[in-house]
N, C-alpha and C. Protein backbone atom coordinates (compact mmCIF):
# COMPACT_ATOMS: atom_id res chain seq x y z
N MET A 1 6.26 17.37 22.76
CA MET A 1 6.82 16.09 22.40
C MET A 1 7.81 15.64 23.56
N SER A 2 7.55 14.32 23.89
CA SER A 2 8.14 13.57 24.95
C SER A 2 9.68 13.21 24.55
N THR A 3 10.32 12.98 25.52
CA THR A 3 11.77 12.49 25.10
C THR A 3 11.75 11.14 24.31
N LEU A 4 10.69 10.24 24.92
CA LEU A 4 10.67 8.94 24.04
C LEU A 4 10.35 9.25 22.57
N GLU A 5 9.40 10.15 22.21
CA GLU A 5 8.96 10.47 20.97
C GLU A 5 10.01 11.03 20.13
N LEU A 6 10.78 11.92 20.77
CA LEU A 6 12.09 12.62 20.25
C LEU A 6 12.93 11.53 19.76
N LYS A 7 13.43 10.70 20.59
CA LYS A 7 14.23 9.61 20.38
C LYS A 7 13.75 8.71 19.09
N GLN A 8 12.56 8.40 19.07
CA GLN A 8 11.92 7.64 18.01
C GLN A 8 12.08 8.41 16.70
N LYS A 9 11.79 9.68 16.72
CA LYS A 9 12.00 10.48 15.29
C LYS A 9 13.40 10.42 14.99
N LEU A 10 14.37 10.83 16.05
CA LEU A 10 15.70 10.85 15.75
C LEU A 10 16.30 9.40 15.11
N TYR A 11 15.88 8.29 15.68
CA TYR A 11 16.21 7.04 15.29
C TYR A 11 15.94 6.73 13.69
N LYS A 12 14.52 7.31 13.40
CA LYS A 12 14.08 7.06 11.98
C LYS A 12 14.83 7.90 11.03
N GLN A 13 15.11 9.09 11.42
CA GLN A 13 15.96 10.12 10.65
C GLN A 13 17.18 9.57 10.39
N ILE A 14 17.86 9.05 11.44
CA ILE A 14 19.28 8.38 11.41
C ILE A 14 19.26 7.28 10.43
N GLU A 15 18.23 6.46 10.51
CA GLU A 15 18.15 5.05 9.68
C GLU A 15 17.95 5.53 8.04
N LEU A 16 17.15 6.77 7.89
CA LEU A 16 17.00 7.19 6.59
C LEU A 16 18.14 8.00 5.79
N THR A 17 18.92 8.41 6.52
CA THR A 17 20.00 9.13 5.85
C THR A 17 21.38 8.27 5.58
N ASP A 18 21.89 8.57 4.41
CA ASP A 18 23.33 8.12 4.10
C ASP A 18 24.24 9.08 3.97
N ASN A 19 23.85 10.32 4.34
CA ASN A 19 24.82 11.36 4.47
C ASN A 19 25.76 11.33 5.58
N ALA A 20 27.07 10.93 5.38
CA ALA A 20 28.13 10.53 6.47
C ALA A 20 28.34 12.12 7.19
N GLU A 21 28.39 13.17 6.51
CA GLU A 21 28.61 14.40 7.20
C GLU A 21 27.66 14.66 8.12
N VAL A 22 26.31 14.50 7.78
CA VAL A 22 25.26 14.59 8.75
C VAL A 22 25.31 13.80 9.97
N LEU A 23 25.56 12.33 9.67
CA LEU A 23 25.61 11.51 10.77
C LEU A 23 26.83 11.82 11.55
N GLU A 24 28.19 12.32 11.10
CA GLU A 24 29.08 12.67 11.94
C GLU A 24 28.82 13.72 12.87
N GLU A 25 28.00 14.73 12.36
CA GLU A 25 27.74 15.83 13.03
C GLU A 25 26.72 15.60 14.21
N VAL A 26 25.82 14.65 13.86
CA VAL A 26 24.66 14.31 14.84
C VAL A 26 25.62 13.45 15.83
N TYR A 27 26.45 12.68 15.70
CA TYR A 27 27.19 11.94 16.61
C TYR A 27 28.09 12.90 17.45
N ARG A 28 28.51 13.67 16.76
CA ARG A 28 29.51 14.89 17.46
C ARG A 28 28.59 15.62 18.73
N ILE A 29 27.41 15.98 18.24
CA ILE A 29 26.57 16.83 19.02
C ILE A 29 26.09 15.88 20.15
N LEU A 30 25.76 14.66 19.91
CA LEU A 30 25.40 13.73 20.92
C LEU A 30 26.43 13.39 21.89
N GLU A 31 27.71 13.18 21.43
CA GLU A 31 28.67 12.78 22.27
C GLU A 31 28.95 14.20 23.11
N LEU A 32 28.80 15.28 22.76
CA LEU A 32 28.98 16.55 23.55
C LEU A 32 28.06 16.52 24.78
N GLY A 33 26.96 15.95 24.82
CA GLY A 33 26.04 15.91 25.71
C GLY A 33 26.05 14.73 26.69
N SER A 34 27.04 13.89 26.46
CA SER A 34 26.90 12.58 27.11
C SER A 34 28.03 12.51 28.06
N PHE A 35 28.92 13.49 28.38
CA PHE A 35 29.94 13.39 29.32
C PHE A 35 29.37 13.64 30.54
N ASN A 36 29.93 12.99 31.69
CA ASN A 36 29.56 13.06 32.96
C ASN A 36 30.62 14.10 33.67
N GLU A 37 30.06 15.35 34.12
CA GLU A 37 30.89 16.26 34.91
C GLU A 37 31.72 15.59 36.05
N GLN A 38 31.43 14.38 36.51
CA GLN A 38 32.14 13.97 37.65
C GLN A 38 33.32 13.26 37.14
N GLU A 39 33.31 12.83 35.79
CA GLU A 39 34.47 12.13 35.13
C GLU A 39 35.72 13.11 34.87
N ILE A 40 35.29 14.46 34.84
CA ILE A 40 36.30 15.47 34.51
C ILE A 40 37.28 15.86 35.73
N GLN A 41 38.34 15.50 35.75
CA GLN A 41 39.29 15.60 36.71
C GLN A 41 40.44 16.80 36.46
N LEU A 42 40.29 17.95 37.03
CA LEU A 42 41.16 19.02 36.99
C LEU A 42 42.25 19.08 37.90
N SER A 43 43.44 19.35 37.54
CA SER A 43 44.61 19.45 38.63
C SER A 43 44.24 20.70 39.39
N SER A 44 44.85 20.86 40.57
CA SER A 44 44.50 22.02 41.36
C SER A 44 45.36 23.33 40.54
N GLU A 45 46.38 22.96 40.06
CA GLU A 45 46.98 24.09 39.13
C GLU A 45 46.03 24.64 38.14
N PHE A 46 45.43 23.68 37.42
CA PHE A 46 44.53 24.30 36.41
C PHE A 46 43.17 24.95 36.92
N LYS A 47 42.67 24.36 38.12
CA LYS A 47 41.57 25.12 38.82
C LYS A 47 42.14 26.51 39.40
N GLU A 48 43.33 26.52 39.88
CA GLU A 48 43.77 27.96 40.43
C GLU A 48 43.80 28.88 39.08
N ALA A 49 44.39 28.43 37.90
CA ALA A 49 44.52 29.27 36.68
C ALA A 49 42.85 29.77 36.32
N ILE A 50 42.16 28.82 36.43
CA ILE A 50 40.66 29.20 36.17
C ILE A 50 40.09 30.33 37.05
N ASP A 51 40.31 30.00 38.39
CA ASP A 51 39.98 30.93 39.37
C ASP A 51 40.68 32.44 39.14
N ARG A 52 42.18 32.39 38.77
CA ARG A 52 42.79 33.68 38.68
C ARG A 52 42.04 34.49 37.27
N GLY A 53 41.66 33.72 36.23
CA GLY A 53 40.99 34.14 34.99
C GLY A 53 39.73 34.81 35.49
N LEU A 54 38.96 34.15 36.29
CA LEU A 54 37.64 34.54 36.63
C LEU A 54 37.64 35.92 37.27
N GLU A 55 38.74 35.98 38.35
CA GLU A 55 39.01 37.19 38.91
C GLU A 55 39.42 38.26 38.27
N ASP A 56 40.29 37.99 37.18
CA ASP A 56 40.75 38.97 36.48
C ASP A 56 39.57 39.53 35.54
N TYR A 57 38.49 38.78 35.24
CA TYR A 57 37.31 39.24 34.56
C TYR A 57 36.67 40.01 35.45
N ARG A 58 36.36 39.74 36.65
CA ARG A 58 35.51 40.12 37.59
C ARG A 58 36.16 41.71 37.79
N GLN A 59 37.46 41.98 37.97
CA GLN A 59 38.12 43.09 38.10
C GLN A 59 38.24 43.85 36.79
N GLY A 60 37.87 43.41 35.85
CA GLY A 60 37.81 44.16 34.72
C GLY A 60 39.31 44.21 34.01
N ARG A 61 40.24 43.21 34.31
CA ARG A 61 41.33 43.14 33.70
C ARG A 61 41.27 42.28 32.41
N ILE A 62 40.74 42.62 31.28
CA ILE A 62 40.50 41.96 30.19
C ILE A 62 40.71 42.76 28.87
N VAL A 63 41.23 41.95 28.01
CA VAL A 63 41.18 42.69 26.65
C VAL A 63 40.38 42.16 25.56
N SER A 64 40.19 42.63 24.54
CA SER A 64 39.44 42.25 23.43
C SER A 64 40.20 41.07 22.54
N ASN A 65 39.41 40.30 21.98
CA ASN A 65 40.02 39.08 21.11
C ASN A 65 41.15 39.75 20.35
N GLU A 66 40.67 40.81 19.51
CA GLU A 66 41.47 41.53 18.38
C GLU A 66 42.85 41.89 19.22
N GLN A 67 42.87 42.60 20.43
CA GLN A 67 43.84 43.09 21.13
C GLN A 67 44.83 41.98 21.56
N ALA A 68 44.27 40.86 21.97
CA ALA A 68 45.01 39.73 22.38
C ALA A 68 45.80 39.06 21.20
N LYS A 69 45.06 39.21 20.01
CA LYS A 69 45.72 38.54 18.68
C LYS A 69 46.78 39.46 18.50
N ASN A 70 46.76 40.72 18.55
CA ASN A 70 47.92 41.77 18.05
C ASN A 70 48.93 41.44 19.24
N GLU A 71 48.72 41.25 20.24
CA GLU A 71 49.70 41.25 21.35
C GLU A 71 50.53 40.00 21.14
N PHE A 72 49.66 39.02 21.04
CA PHE A 72 50.37 37.74 20.71
C PHE A 72 51.41 37.64 19.31
N LYS A 73 50.84 38.26 18.34
CA LYS A 73 51.72 38.50 17.19
C LYS A 73 52.99 39.36 17.57
N GLU A 74 52.80 40.19 18.29
CA GLU A 74 53.81 41.12 18.54
C GLU A 74 54.98 40.33 19.61
N TRP A 75 54.33 39.65 20.28
CA TRP A 75 55.34 38.73 21.22
C TRP A 75 56.03 37.75 20.59
N LEU A 76 55.32 37.12 19.56
CA LEU A 76 55.96 36.26 18.57
C LEU A 76 57.33 36.66 17.62
N SER A 77 56.98 38.01 17.44
CA SER A 77 58.06 38.53 16.65
C SER A 77 59.11 39.10 17.38
N LYS A 78 59.32 38.80 18.48
CA LYS A 78 60.38 39.27 19.26
C LYS A 78 61.49 38.14 19.43
């Protein structure tokens, strides 16, 4: 199916539905795919934090999600 055919089918389905939840979800999905990567401006500090996190991952300095939650709860209780 070509892109044009797919768009035409989507337009028809959108016109046929009155379900606001479906329309909102379709809009959300389409919105996710419409951003331009060059529009995203990250600060140098944010880029450095990402790089540190990636290096931690590569070096095996990671914890499970459950362990992180437990450590966070413990930290909050202090």
